[in-house]
Amino acid sequence: MNKQDLAEQLKYSSSKWLYVVTWNNVLKQLFCPFKVVVLKSVGTLKKGELVMVEAIKVTMELKTVFVINGRAYFHYHFEILLDE
């Protein structure tokens, strides 16, 4: 994917909100900051720690990245906590 293709994909997204589908198939929009729990220790974050996602970014390969404490981490290191 080149930069022009990426720009086309990203013009419909935001670094401040994310859509998720809940376990019971409800579509929810989350706004930053939102809570996540660390599934596996990564960087300075420890397994089981609760942290806040400040922003959402996307890599050139369209992989979702969460910005936490000013550092970027792939989304799969975390579980999103929903207030229901």
PDB file of N, CA and C in Angstrom:
ATOM      1  N   MET A   1       0.845  -1.168   0.000  1.00  0.00           N
ATOM      2  CA  MET A   1       0.000   0.000   0.000  1.00  0.00           C
ATOM      3  C   MET A   1       0.892   1.233   0.000  1.00  0.00           C
ATOM      4  N   ASN A   2       0.604   2.148  -0.888  1.00  0.00           N
ATOM      5  CA  ASN A   2       1.390   3.377  -0.915  1.00  0.00           C
ATOM      6  C   ASN A   2       0.721   4.454  -0.058  1.00  0.00           C
ATOM      7  N   LYS A   3       1.394   5.584   0.081  1.00  0.00           N
ATOM      8  CA  LYS A   3       0.895   6.656   0.954  1.00  0.00           C
ATOM      9  C   LYS A   3      -0.433   7.221   0.472  1.00  0.00           C
ATOM     10  N   GLN A   4      -0.637   7.264  -0.837  1.00  0.00           N
ATOM     11  CA  GLN A   4      -1.896   7.783  -1.369  1.00  0.00           C
ATOM     12  C   GLN A   4      -3.060   6.845  -1.022  1.00  0.00           C
ATOM     13  N   ASP A   5      -2.841   5.537  -1.145  1.00  0.00           N
ATOM     14  CA  ASP A   5      -3.864   4.559  -0.771  1.00  0.00           C
ATOM     15  C   ASP A   5      -4.190   4.672   0.714  1.00  0.00           C
ATOM     16  N   LEU A   6      -3.151   4.806   1.538  1.00  0.00           N
ATOM     17  CA  LEU A   6      -3.351   4.936   2.978  1.00  0.00           C
ATOM     18  C   LEU A   6      -4.146   6.200   3.302  1.00  0.00           C
ATOM     19  N   ALA A   7      -3.815   7.294   2.679  1.00  0.00           N
ATOM     20  CA  ALA A   7      -4.539   8.548   2.906  1.00  0.00           C
ATOM     21  C   ALA A   7      -6.012   8.394   2.542  1.00  0.00           C
ATOM     22  N   GLU A   8      -6.304   7.684   1.480  1.00  0.00           N
ATOM     23  CA  GLU A   8      -7.689   7.454   1.064  1.00  0.00           C
ATOM     24  C   GLU A   8      -8.443   6.657   2.128  1.00  0.00           C
ATOM     25  N   GLN A   9      -7.812   5.624   2.673  1.00  0.00           N
ATOM     26  CA  GLN A   9      -8.442   4.805   3.717  1.00  0.00           C
ATOM     27  C   GLN A   9      -8.670   5.606   5.004  1.00  0.00           C
ATOM     28  N   LEU A  10      -7.716   6.445   5.350  1.00  0.00           N
ATOM     29  CA  LEU A  10      -7.764   7.141   6.633  1.00  0.00           C
ATOM     30  C   LEU A  10      -8.660   8.372   6.650  1.00  0.00           C
ATOM     31  N   LYS A  11      -9.109   8.833   5.501  1.00  0.00           N
ATOM     32  CA  LYS A  11      -9.931  10.040   5.521  1.00  0.00           C
ATOM     33  C   LYS A  11     -11.306   9.799   6.154  1.00  0.00           C
ATOM     34  N   TYR A  12     -11.660   8.551   6.375  1.00  0.00           N
ATOM     35  CA  TYR A  12     -12.931   8.223   7.032  1.00  0.00           C
ATOM     36  C   TYR A  12     -12.733   7.762   8.473  1.00  0.00           C
ATOM     37  N   SER A  13     -11.539   7.944   9.021  1.00  0.00           N
ATOM     38  CA  SER A  13     -11.268   7.498  10.383  1.00  0.00           C
ATOM     39  C   SER A  13     -10.810   8.673  11.240  1.00  0.00           C
ATOM     40  N   SER A  14     -10.658   8.404  12.529  1.00  0.00           N
ATOM     41  CA  SER A  14     -10.249   9.431  13.470  1.00  0.00           C
ATOM     42  C   SER A  14      -9.262   8.843  14.463  1.00  0.00           C
ATOM     43  N   SER A  15      -8.379   9.673  14.972  1.00  0.00           N
ATOM     44  CA  SER A  15      -7.456   9.207  16.006  1.00  0.00           C
ATOM     45  C   SER A  15      -8.066   9.351  17.394  1.00  0.00           C
ATOM     46  N   LYS A  16      -9.295   9.842  17.466  1.00  0.00           N
ATOM     47  CA  LYS A  16      -9.934  10.089  18.760  1.00  0.00           C
ATOM     48  C   LYS A  16     -11.133   9.206  19.065  1.00  0.00           C
ATOM     49  N   TRP A  17     -11.564   8.377  18.128  1.00  0.00           N
ATOM     50  CA  TRP A  17     -12.669   7.460  18.402  1.00  0.00           C
ATOM     51  C   TRP A  17     -12.489   6.155  17.645  1.00  0.00           C
ATOM     52  N   LEU A  18     -13.185   5.124  18.145  1.00  0.00           N
ATOM     53  CA  LEU A  18     -13.060   3.777  17.609  1.00  0.00           C
ATOM     54  C   LEU A  18     -14.412   3.090  17.728  1.00  0.00           C
ATOM     55  N   TYR A  19     -14.803   2.372  16.702  1.00  0.00           N
ATOM     56  CA  TYR A  19     -16.018   1.560  16.775  1.00  0.00           C
ATOM     57  C   TYR A  19     -15.641   0.138  17.166  1.00  0.00           C
ATOM     58  N   VAL A  20     -16.406  -0.446  18.095  1.00  0.00           N
ATOM     59  CA  VAL A  20     -16.218  -1.840  18.497  1.00  0.00           C
ATOM     60  C   VAL A  20     -17.569  -2.537  18.502  1.00  0.00           C
ATOM     61  N   VAL A  21     -17.548  -3.834  18.293  1.00  0.00           N
ATOM     62  CA  VAL A  21     -18.753  -4.652  18.387  1.00  0.00           C
ATOM     63  C   VAL A  21     -18.653  -5.433  19.687  1.00  0.00           C
ATOM     64  N   THR A  22     -19.659  -5.308  20.551  1.00  0.00           N
ATOM     65  CA  THR A  22     -19.653  -5.980  21.850  1.00  0.00           C
ATOM     66  C   THR A  22     -19.982  -7.461  21.697  1.00  0.00           C
ATOM     67  N   TRP A  23     -19.859  -8.190  22.790  1.00  0.00           N
ATOM     68  CA  TRP A  23     -20.121  -9.633  22.791  1.00  0.00           C
ATOM     69  C   TRP A  23     -21.543  -9.961  22.350  1.00  0.00           C
ATOM     70  N   ASN A  24     -22.486  -9.008  22.564  1.00  0.00           N
ATOM     71  CA  ASN A  24     -23.888  -9.248  22.188  1.00  0.00           C
ATOM     72  C   ASN A  24     -24.266  -8.505  20.899  1.00  0.00           C
ATOM     73  N   ASN A  25     -23.268  -8.266  20.045  1.00  0.00           N
ATOM     74  CA  ASN A  25     -23.449  -7.683  18.706  1.00  0.00           C
ATOM     75  C   ASN A  25     -24.022  -6.266  18.700  1.00  0.00           C
ATOM     76  N   VAL A  26     -23.640  -5.473  19.687  1.00  0.00           N
ATOM     77  CA  VAL A  26     -24.030  -4.067  19.723  1.00  0.00           C
ATOM     78  C   VAL A  26     -22.827  -3.242  19.269  1.00  0.00           C
ATOM     79  N   LEU A  27     -23.049  -2.340  18.332  1.00  0.00           N
ATOM     80  CA  LEU A  27     -21.991  -1.462  17.850  1.00  0.00           C
ATOM     81  C   LEU A  27     -21.859  -0.276  18.792  1.00  0.00           C
ATOM     82  N   LYS A  28     -20.649  -0.049  19.317  1.00  0.00           N
ATOM     83  CA  LYS A  28     -20.409   1.061  20.242  1.00  0.00           C
ATOM     84  C   LYS A  28     -19.280   1.917  19.712  1.00  0.00           C
ATOM     85  N   GLN A  29     -19.388   3.200  19.957  1.00  0.00           N
ATOM     86  CA  GLN A  29     -18.322   4.122  19.605  1.00  0.00           C
ATOM     87  C   GLN A  29     -17.617   4.536  20.889  1.00  0.00           C
ATOM     88  N   LEU A  30     -16.316   4.303  20.941  1.00  0.00           N
ATOM     89  CA  LEU A  30     -15.512   4.690  22.097  1.00  0.00           C
ATOM     90  C   LEU A  30     -14.733   5.951  21.762  1.00  0.00           C
ATOM     91  N   PHE A  31     -14.666   6.858  22.711  1.00  0.00           N
ATOM     92  CA  PHE A  31     -13.919   8.088  22.537  1.00  0.00           C
ATOM     93  C   PHE A  31     -12.702   8.077  23.447  1.00  0.00           C
ATOM     94  N   CYS A  32     -11.584   8.563  22.942  1.00  0.00           N
ATOM     95  CA  CYS A  32     -10.360   8.657  23.743  1.00  0.00           C
ATOM     96  C   CYS A  32     -10.528   9.751  24.785  1.00  0.00           C
ATOM     97  N   PRO A  33     -10.021   9.523  25.978  1.00  0.00           N
ATOM     98  CA  PRO A  33      -9.332   8.312  26.405  1.00  0.00           C
ATOM     99  C   PRO A  33     -10.322   7.221  26.825  1.00  0.00           C
ATOM    100  N   PHE A  34      -9.953   5.952  26.573  1.00  0.00           N
ATOM    101  CA  PHE A  34     -10.737   4.821  27.055  1.00  0.00           C
ATOM    102  C   PHE A  34      -9.803   3.807  27.701  1.00  0.00           C
ATOM    103  N   LYS A  35     -10.392   2.975  28.574  1.00  0.00           N
ATOM    104  CA  LYS A  35      -9.601   2.038  29.375  1.00  0.00           C
ATOM    105  C   LYS A  35      -9.344   0.730  28.637  1.00  0.00           C
ATOM    106  N   VAL A  36      -8.126   0.221  28.830  1.00  0.00           N
ATOM    107  CA  VAL A  36      -7.766  -1.110  28.353  1.00  0.00           C
ATOM    108  C   VAL A  36      -6.950  -1.795  29.446  1.00  0.00           C
ATOM    109  N   VAL A  37      -6.917  -3.115  29.401  1.00  0.00           N
ATOM    110  CA  VAL A  37      -6.071  -3.878  30.306  1.00  0.00           C
ATOM    111  C   VAL A  37      -4.978  -4.541  29.466  1.00  0.00           C
ATOM    112  N   VAL A  38      -3.774  -4.555  30.004  1.00  0.00           N
ATOM    113  CA  VAL A  38      -2.622  -5.135  29.303  1.00  0.00           C
ATOM    114  C   VAL A  38      -2.711  -6.661  29.397  1.00  0.00           C
ATOM    115  N   LEU A  39      -2.720  -7.348  28.246  1.00  0.00           N
ATOM    116  CA  LEU A  39      -2.826  -8.810  28.205  1.00  0.00           C
ATOM    117  C   LEU A  39      -1.479  -9.503  28.387  1.00  0.00           C
ATOM    118  N   LYS A  40      -0.421  -8.866  27.906  1.00  0.00           N
ATOM    119  CA  LYS A  40       0.929  -9.429  27.983  1.00  0.00           C
ATOM    120  C   LYS A  40       1.882  -8.252  28.159  1.00  0.00           C
ATOM    121  N   SER A  41       2.815  -8.357  29.078  1.00  0.00           N
ATOM    122  CA  SER A  41       3.750  -7.262  29.319  1.00  0.00           C
ATOM    123  C   SER A  41       4.425  -6.846  28.020  1.00  0.00           C
ATOM    124  N   VAL A  42       4.441  -5.540  27.780  1.00  0.00           N
ATOM    125  CA  VAL A  42       5.042  -4.990  26.571  1.00  0.00           C
ATOM    126  C   VAL A  42       5.599  -3.608  26.911  1.00  0.00           C
ATOM    127  N   GLY A  43       6.824  -3.331  26.471  1.00  0.00           N
ATOM    128  CA  GLY A  43       7.443  -2.052  26.795  1.00  0.00           C
ATOM    129  C   GLY A  43       7.500  -1.867  28.301  1.00  0.00           C
ATOM    130  N   THR A  44       7.019  -0.737  28.782  1.00  0.00           N
ATOM    131  CA  THR A  44       7.015  -0.462  30.223  1.00  0.00           C
ATOM    132  C   THR A  44       5.706  -0.884  30.888  1.00  0.00           C
ATOM    133  N   LEU A  45       4.782  -1.441  30.114  1.00  0.00           N
ATOM    134  CA  LEU A  45       3.473  -1.853  30.639  1.00  0.00           C
ATOM    135  C   LEU A  45       3.523  -3.298  31.113  1.00  0.00           C
ATOM    136  N   LYS A  46       2.894  -3.552  32.246  1.00  0.00           N
ATOM    137  CA  LYS A  46       2.898  -4.890  32.852  1.00  0.00           C
ATOM    138  C   LYS A  46       1.550  -5.581  32.661  1.00  0.00           C
ATOM    139  N   LYS A  47       1.592  -6.893  32.518  1.00  0.00           N
ATOM    140  CA  LYS A  47       0.376  -7.700  32.361  1.00  0.00           C
ATOM    141  C   LYS A  47      -0.589  -7.396  33.505  1.00  0.00           C
ATOM    142  N   GLY A  48      -1.863  -7.174  33.161  1.00  0.00           N
ATOM    143  CA  GLY A  48      -2.902  -6.905  34.151  1.00  0.00           C
ATOM    144  C   GLY A  48      -3.073  -5.438  34.501  1.00  0.00           C
ATOM    145  N   GLU A  49      -2.172  -4.598  34.056  1.00  0.00           N
ATOM    146  CA  GLU A  49      -2.238  -3.162  34.351  1.00  0.00           C
ATOM    147  C   GLU A  49      -3.377  -2.507  33.566  1.00  0.00           C
ATOM    148  N   LEU A  50      -4.096  -1.598  34.211  1.00  0.00           N
ATOM    149  CA  LEU A  50      -5.134  -0.809  33.550  1.00  0.00           C
ATOM    150  C   LEU A  50      -4.506   0.490  33.066  1.00  0.00           C
ATOM    151  N   VAL A  51      -4.701   0.801  31.795  1.00  0.00           N
ATOM    152  CA  VAL A  51      -4.130   2.010  31.212  1.00  0.00           C
ATOM    153  C   VAL A  51      -5.169   2.690  30.335  1.00  0.00           C
ATOM    154  N   MET A  52      -4.892   3.941  29.989  1.00  0.00           N
ATOM    155  CA  MET A  52      -5.806   4.722  29.158  1.00  0.00           C
ATOM    156  C   MET A  52      -5.208   4.921  27.771  1.00  0.00           C
ATOM    157  N   VAL A  53      -6.028   4.707  26.747  1.00  0.00           N
ATOM    158  CA  VAL A  53      -5.616   4.941  25.368  1.00  0.00           C
ATOM    159  C   VAL A  53      -5.849   6.417  25.064  1.00  0.00           C
ATOM    160  N   GLU A  54      -4.771   7.111  24.699  1.00  0.00           N
ATOM    161  CA  GLU A  54      -4.833   8.544  24.417  1.00  0.00           C
ATOM    162  C   GLU A  54      -5.253   8.830  22.980  1.00  0.00           C
ATOM    163  N   ALA A  55      -4.853   7.942  22.065  1.00  0.00           N
ATOM    164  CA  ALA A  55      -5.144   8.130  20.638  1.00  0.00           C
ATOM    165  C   ALA A  55      -5.037   6.789  19.932  1.00  0.00           C
ATOM    166  N   ILE A  56      -5.621   6.718  18.749  1.00  0.00           N
ATOM    167  CA  ILE A  56      -5.586   5.518  17.918  1.00  0.00           C
ATOM    168  C   ILE A  56      -4.913   5.893  16.604  1.00  0.00           C
ATOM    169  N   LYS A  57      -3.940   5.096  16.202  1.00  0.00           N
ATOM    170  CA  LYS A  57      -3.229   5.331  14.951  1.00  0.00           C
ATOM    171  C   LYS A  57      -3.284   4.061  14.113  1.00  0.00           C
ATOM    172  N   VAL A  58      -2.813   4.161  12.875  1.00  0.00           N
ATOM    173  CA  VAL A  58      -2.785   3.018  11.964  1.00  0.00           C
ATOM    174  C   VAL A  58      -1.427   3.000  11.271  1.00  0.00           C
ATOM    175  N   THR A  59      -0.837   1.807  11.145  1.00  0.00           N
ATOM    176  CA  THR A  59       0.435   1.680  10.452  1.00  0.00           C
ATOM    177  C   THR A  59       0.209   1.667   8.944  1.00  0.00           C
ATOM    178  N   MET A  60       1.268   1.687   8.186  1.00  0.00           N
ATOM    179  CA  MET A  60       1.177   1.616   6.727  1.00  0.00           C
ATOM    180  C   MET A  60       0.533   0.303   6.270  1.00  0.00           C
ATOM    181  N   GLU A  61       0.598  -0.726   7.126  1.00  0.00           N
ATOM    182  CA  GLU A  61      -0.010  -2.025   6.815  1.00  0.00           C
ATOM    183  C   GLU A  61      -1.443  -2.117   7.352  1.00  0.00           C
ATOM    184  N   LEU A  62      -1.988  -0.979   7.786  1.00  0.00           N
ATOM    185  CA  LEU A  62      -3.346  -0.871   8.348  1.00  0.00           C
ATOM    186  C   LEU A  62      -3.536  -1.666   9.634  1.00  0.00           C
ATOM    187  N   LYS A  63      -2.490  -1.772  10.446  1.00  0.00           N
ATOM    188  CA  LYS A  63      -2.593  -2.392  11.766  1.00  0.00           C
ATOM    189  C   LYS A  63      -2.896  -1.292  12.782  1.00  0.00           C
ATOM    190  N   THR A  64      -3.849  -1.552  13.655  1.00  0.00           N
ATOM    191  CA  THR A  64      -4.267  -0.565  14.649  1.00  0.00           C
ATOM    192  C   THR A  64      -3.244  -0.469  15.775  1.00  0.00           C
ATOM    193  N   VAL A  65      -2.942   0.763  16.154  1.00  0.00           N
ATOM    194  CA  VAL A  65      -1.968   1.042  17.205  1.00  0.00           C
ATOM    195  C   VAL A  65      -2.636   1.957  18.230  1.00  0.00           C
ATOM    196  N   PHE A  66      -2.444   1.638  19.514  1.00  0.00           N
ATOM    197  CA  PHE A  66      -2.938   2.491  20.587  1.00  0.00           C
ATOM    198  C   PHE A  66      -1.773   3.322  21.120  1.00  0.00           C
ATOM    199  N   VAL A  67      -2.010   4.613  21.325  1.00  0.00           N
ATOM    200  CA  VAL A  67      -1.014   5.484  21.946  1.00  0.00           C
ATOM    201  C   VAL A  67      -1.345   5.561  23.426  1.00  0.00           C
ATOM    202  N   ILE A  68      -0.387   5.118  24.256  1.00  0.00           N
ATOM    203  CA  ILE A  68      -0.549   5.070  25.706  1.00  0.00           C
ATOM    204  C   ILE A  68       0.694   5.696  26.326  1.00  0.00           C
ATOM    205  N   ASN A  69       0.495   6.691  27.160  1.00  0.00           N
ATOM    206  CA  ASN A  69       1.616   7.413  27.783  1.00  0.00           C
ATOM    207  C   ASN A  69       2.614   7.905  26.743  1.00  0.00           C
ATOM    208  N   GLY A  70       2.105   8.338  25.596  1.00  0.00           N
ATOM    209  CA  GLY A  70       2.953   8.886  24.552  1.00  0.00           C
ATOM    210  C   GLY A  70       3.691   7.861  23.710  1.00  0.00           C
ATOM    211  N   ARG A  71       3.472   6.569  23.957  1.00  0.00           N
ATOM    212  CA  ARG A  71       4.145   5.511  23.210  1.00  0.00           C
ATOM    213  C   ARG A  71       3.124   4.674  22.459  1.00  0.00           C
ATOM    214  N   ALA A  72       3.512   4.175  21.296  1.00  0.00           N
ATOM    215  CA  ALA A  72       2.606   3.405  20.434  1.00  0.00           C
ATOM    216  C   ALA A  72       2.776   1.910  20.670  1.00  0.00           C
ATOM    217  N   TYR A  73       1.633   1.199  20.788  1.00  0.00           N
ATOM    218  CA  TYR A  73       1.612  -0.251  20.989  1.00  0.00           C
ATOM    219  C   TYR A  73       0.548  -0.854  20.080  1.00  0.00           C
ATOM    220  N   PHE A  74       0.825  -2.027  19.519  1.00  0.00           N
ATOM    221  CA  PHE A  74      -0.185  -2.712  18.717  1.00  0.00           C
ATOM    222  C   PHE A  74      -1.388  -3.072  19.586  1.00  0.00           C
ATOM    223  N   HIS A  75      -2.569  -2.972  19.009  1.00  0.00           N
ATOM    224  CA  HIS A  75      -3.835  -3.172  19.740  1.00  0.00           C
ATOM    225  C   HIS A  75      -3.969  -4.549  20.356  1.00  0.00           C
ATOM    226  N   TYR A  76      -3.340  -5.557  19.768  1.00  0.00           N
ATOM    227  CA  TYR A  76      -3.550  -6.933  20.236  1.00  0.00           C
ATOM    228  C   TYR A  76      -2.882  -7.223  21.583  1.00  0.00           C
ATOM    229  N   HIS A  77      -2.169  -6.266  22.136  1.00  0.00           N
ATOM    230  CA  HIS A  77      -1.586  -6.423  23.472  1.00  0.00           C
ATOM    231  C   HIS A  77      -2.588  -6.054  24.569  1.00  0.00           C
ATOM    232  N   PHE A  78      -3.808  -5.649  24.185  1.00  0.00           N
ATOM    233  CA  PHE A  78      -4.766  -5.097  25.148  1.00  0.00           C
ATOM    234  C   PHE A  78      -6.170  -5.664  24.955  1.00  0.00           C
ATOM    235  N   GLU A  79      -6.935  -5.609  26.034  1.00  0.00           N
ATOM    236  CA  GLU A  79      -8.368  -5.890  25.960  1.00  0.00           C
ATOM    237  C   GLU A  79      -9.088  -4.596  26.321  1.00  0.00           C
ATOM    238  N   ILE A  80     -10.020  -4.213  25.475  1.00  0.00           N
ATOM    239  CA  ILE A  80     -10.781  -2.985  25.696  1.00  0.00           C
ATOM    240  C   ILE A  80     -11.821  -3.238  26.782  1.00  0.00           C
ATOM    241  N   LEU A  81     -11.899  -2.326  27.744  1.00  0.00           N
ATOM    242  CA  LEU A  81     -12.887  -2.437  28.816  1.00  0.00           C
ATOM    243  C   LEU A  81     -14.039  -1.500  28.499  1.00  0.00           C
ATOM    244  N   LEU A  82     -15.236  -2.068  28.425  1.00  0.00           N
ATOM    245  CA  LEU A  82     -16.438  -1.293  28.114  1.00  0.00           C
ATOM    246  C   LEU A  82     -17.239  -1.041  29.379  1.00  0.00           C
ATOM    247  N   ASP A  83     -17.691   0.191  29.543  1.00  0.00           N
ATOM    248  CA  ASP A  83     -18.599   0.527  30.645  1.00  0.00           C
ATOM    249  C   ASP A  83     -20.011   0.269  30.134  1.00  0.00           C
ATOM    250  N   GLU A  84     -20.633  -0.780  30.641  1.00  0.00           N
ATOM    251  CA  GLU A  84     -21.982  -1.111  30.142  1.00  0.00           C
ATOM    252  C   GLU A  84     -23.006  -0.918  31.216  1.00  0.00           C
TER     253      GLU A  84
END
